[in-house]
């Protein structure tokens, strides 16, 4: 089990690293940007040692930007999974959400996986 502390500023990230964090969740990433992460990681020696996981408003549409900026991994919850995860099984709303996932969500995720493979 890997404990992943959360931080927002570069000072907080560095503090978590000095305390032994191997991975640091940058939360709420939606309040910052991939460009800010890139500039934060460009600062030496700070950026040479940080493994950052942006989370919060990361989506299939912007995940590759975060990875190109230096994130080692990204966190996505509701922006990645279908709406069906929060609905009661068997209801009309559930079936509509499953269809939406098949027609809309799944192709977006497949595109994201392809982009991530190209970055590796």
Foldseek 3Di string as FASTA:
>chain_A
DADEEEDADLVRQVVVVVVPHQEHEHPPCVVDFLQVLLVSLVDPPSNVRYAYEYEHPDALVCQLSNVVSPHPYYDDDPRQDWPLVPDDPPDPVNVVRVVCCVVPRVVSVVVSVVSVVVVD
